[in-house]
Amino acid sequence: MTWFKSLFLNFLTVFFVDHIIPGIEISYYTKLPHIGGEMIWAASLGFVNSLIFPALRFFHPKPSHFKIGLISFIVSFGAYSIVNLIPVGIKITRAEAFVYSGLIVWAVSYLTNHLEFRAFLYKKEQELEKKEEEMEKKDKEK
């Protein structure tokens, strides 16, 4: 999965979760026509969720599924926990809306980052196999 697909899927997930789950109120406070605060919120949280694996790969030499899951859990639930403190365009009015929205956004974020991690591992494995084949070819030539 490419980064742009991950960004788009995370954005759509946050956007539709905010519109579908009862207990989440959307406030249209921006002055831009047809762009409410929920669009900016969905774009920013989707962007952060799509950067989890690339940032983890950049800062840690050995990313793992557990690290990806933990970071995406913290980002997803952390974002929805501060949403009532900072006016970002949505407001959570019920506890179950907080739980459901956090779980759905976390699951999709983990899925997209997991697919990027798998593609990364597959690419590394292919490169390793190619190097081994080259070494075997050199050994046969000797």
Protein backbone atom coordinates (compact mmCIF):
# COMPACT_ATOMS: atom_id res chain seq x y z
CA MET A 1 0.00 0.00 0.00
CA THR A 2 1.43 3.32 -0.95
CA TRP A 3 1.51 6.29 1.36
CA PHE A 4 -1.12 8.20 -0.64
CA LYS A 5 -3.56 5.29 -0.44
CA SER A 6 -2.96 5.13 3.29
CA LEU A 7 -3.55 8.87 3.63
CA PHE A 8 -6.76 8.72 1.61
CA LEU A 9 -8.13 5.71 3.50
CA ASN A 10 -7.30 7.23 6.90
CA PHE A 11 -8.90 10.53 5.87
CA LEU A 12 -12.09 8.80 4.70
CA THR A 13 -12.27 6.72 7.86
CA VAL A 14 -12.02 9.72 10.16
CA PHE A 15 -14.46 11.71 8.03
CA PHE A 16 -17.14 9.01 7.92
CA VAL A 17 -16.69 8.04 11.57
CA ASP A 18 -17.35 11.65 12.52
CA HIS A 19 -20.52 11.69 10.41
CA ILE A 20 -21.91 8.23 11.16
CA ILE A 21 -21.32 7.53 14.86
CA PRO A 22 -24.04 8.97 17.08
CA GLY A 23 -22.69 11.13 19.86
CA ILE A 24 -20.29 13.14 17.70
CA GLU A 25 -21.42 16.67 16.93
CA ILE A 26 -19.95 18.60 14.03
CA SER A 27 -19.63 22.37 14.22
CA TYR A 28 -19.26 24.33 11.03
CA TYR A 29 -17.18 27.26 12.16
CA THR A 30 -14.86 27.82 9.22
CA LYS A 31 -15.52 30.62 6.79
CA LEU A 32 -14.55 28.53 3.78
CA PRO A 33 -17.57 27.41 1.78
CA HIS A 34 -18.31 23.67 1.90
CA ILE A 35 -15.33 22.99 4.13
CA GLY A 36 -16.25 22.50 7.73
CA GLY A 37 -14.06 21.88 10.72
CA GLU A 38 -14.58 18.14 10.37
CA MET A 39 -12.78 18.19 7.00
CA ILE A 40 -9.73 19.84 8.51
CA TRP A 41 -9.89 17.46 11.48
CA ALA A 42 -10.19 14.41 9.21
CA ALA A 43 -7.34 15.58 6.99
CA SER A 44 -5.00 16.30 9.89
CA LEU A 45 -5.72 13.07 11.80
CA GLY A 46 -5.59 11.05 8.58
CA PHE A 47 -2.24 12.64 7.76
CA VAL A 48 -0.80 11.83 11.18
CA ASN A 49 -2.12 8.26 11.05
CA SER A 50 -0.64 7.71 7.60
CA LEU A 51 2.80 8.84 8.80
CA ILE A 52 3.10 6.30 11.62
CA PHE A 53 5.06 3.61 9.76
CA PRO A 54 7.28 5.99 7.74
CA ALA A 55 8.18 7.89 10.92
CA LEU A 56 8.75 4.68 12.85
CA ARG A 57 10.99 3.34 10.10
CA PHE A 58 12.93 6.61 10.07
CA PHE A 59 13.47 6.81 13.85
CA HIS A 60 13.81 3.12 14.73
CA PRO A 61 15.93 0.65 12.79
CA LYS A 62 13.62 -2.29 13.56
CA PRO A 63 9.92 -1.43 13.37
CA SER A 64 7.48 -4.09 14.58
CA HIS A 65 3.77 -4.76 14.43
CA PHE A 66 3.47 -4.11 18.17
CA LYS A 67 5.09 -0.67 17.86
CA ILE A 68 2.83 0.21 14.92
CA GLY A 69 -0.26 -0.90 16.84
CA LEU A 70 0.72 0.91 20.01
CA ILE A 71 1.57 4.18 18.30
CA SER A 72 -1.60 4.13 16.19
CA PHE A 73 -3.64 3.36 19.33
CA ILE A 74 -2.11 6.29 21.19
CA VAL A 75 -2.57 8.66 18.24
CA SER A 76 -6.17 7.64 17.54
CA PHE A 77 -7.45 7.66 21.10
CA GLY A 78 -5.28 10.63 22.05
CA ALA A 79 -6.69 12.68 19.20
CA TYR A 80 -10.28 11.86 20.13
CA SER A 81 -9.58 12.53 23.81
CA ILE A 82 -8.37 16.09 23.21
CA VAL A 83 -11.11 16.89 20.71
CA ASN A 84 -13.34 18.43 23.39
CA LEU A 85 -10.52 20.56 24.78
CA ILE A 86 -9.48 22.13 21.49
CA PRO A 87 -12.12 23.47 19.10
CA VAL A 88 -11.29 21.46 15.97
CA GLY A 89 -14.75 21.19 14.46
CA ILE A 90 -16.17 18.17 16.23
CA LYS A 91 -17.31 17.44 19.76
CA ILE A 92 -17.88 14.08 21.41
CA THR A 93 -20.95 14.05 23.63
CA ARG A 94 -21.13 10.38 24.71
CA ALA A 95 -18.55 7.93 26.05
CA GLU A 96 -19.50 5.17 23.62
CA ALA A 97 -18.92 7.56 20.71
CA PHE A 98 -15.40 8.11 22.02
CA VAL A 99 -14.76 4.37 22.27
CA TYR A 100 -16.26 3.45 18.89
CA SER A 101 -14.63 6.30 17.00
CA GLY A 102 -11.24 5.60 18.58
CA LEU A 103 -11.48 1.88 17.87
CA ILE A 104 -12.54 2.26 14.24
CA VAL A 105 -9.91 4.89 13.46
CA TRP A 106 -7.27 2.84 15.28
CA ALA A 107 -8.17 -0.34 13.38
CA VAL A 108 -7.95 1.32 9.97
CA SER A 109 -4.77 3.16 10.93
CA TYR A 110 -3.18 -0.10 12.09
CA LEU A 111 -4.34 -1.89 8.94
CA THR A 112 -2.89 0.69 6.56
CA ASN A 113 0.40 0.91 8.44
CA HIS A 114 0.56 -2.89 8.69
CA LEU A 115 0.18 -3.17 4.91
CA GLU A 116 2.95 -0.63 4.40
CA PHE A 117 5.14 -2.61 6.83
CA ARG A 118 4.46 -5.85 4.95
CA ALA A 119 5.35 -4.22 1.63
CA PHE A 120 8.56 -2.92 3.19
CA LEU A 121 9.47 -6.38 4.50
CA TYR A 122 8.68 -7.96 1.14
CA LYS A 123 10.90 -5.46 -0.64
CA LYS A 124 13.76 -6.11 1.79
CA GLU A 125 13.32 -9.86 1.33
CA GLN A 126 13.45 -9.51 -2.45
CA GLU A 127 16.63 -7.44 -2.22
CA LEU A 128 18.21 -10.03 0.08
CA GLU A 129 17.32 -12.87 -2.28
CA LYS A 130 18.77 -10.93 -5.20
CA LYS A 131 22.04 -10.42 -3.31
CA GLU A 132 22.18 -14.11 -2.42
CA GLU A 133 21.66 -15.07 -6.06
CA GLU A 134 24.45 -12.73 -7.11
CA MET A 135 26.77 -14.24 -4.52
CA GLU A 136 25.91 -17.77 -5.66
CA LYS A 137 26.52 -16.75 -9.24
CA LYS A 138 29.96 -15.36 -8.29
CA ASP A 139 30.79 -18.54 -6.38
CA LYS A 140 29.87 -20.71 -9.39
CA GLU A 141 32.07 -18.60 -11.65
CA LYS A 142 35.08 -19.24 -9.40
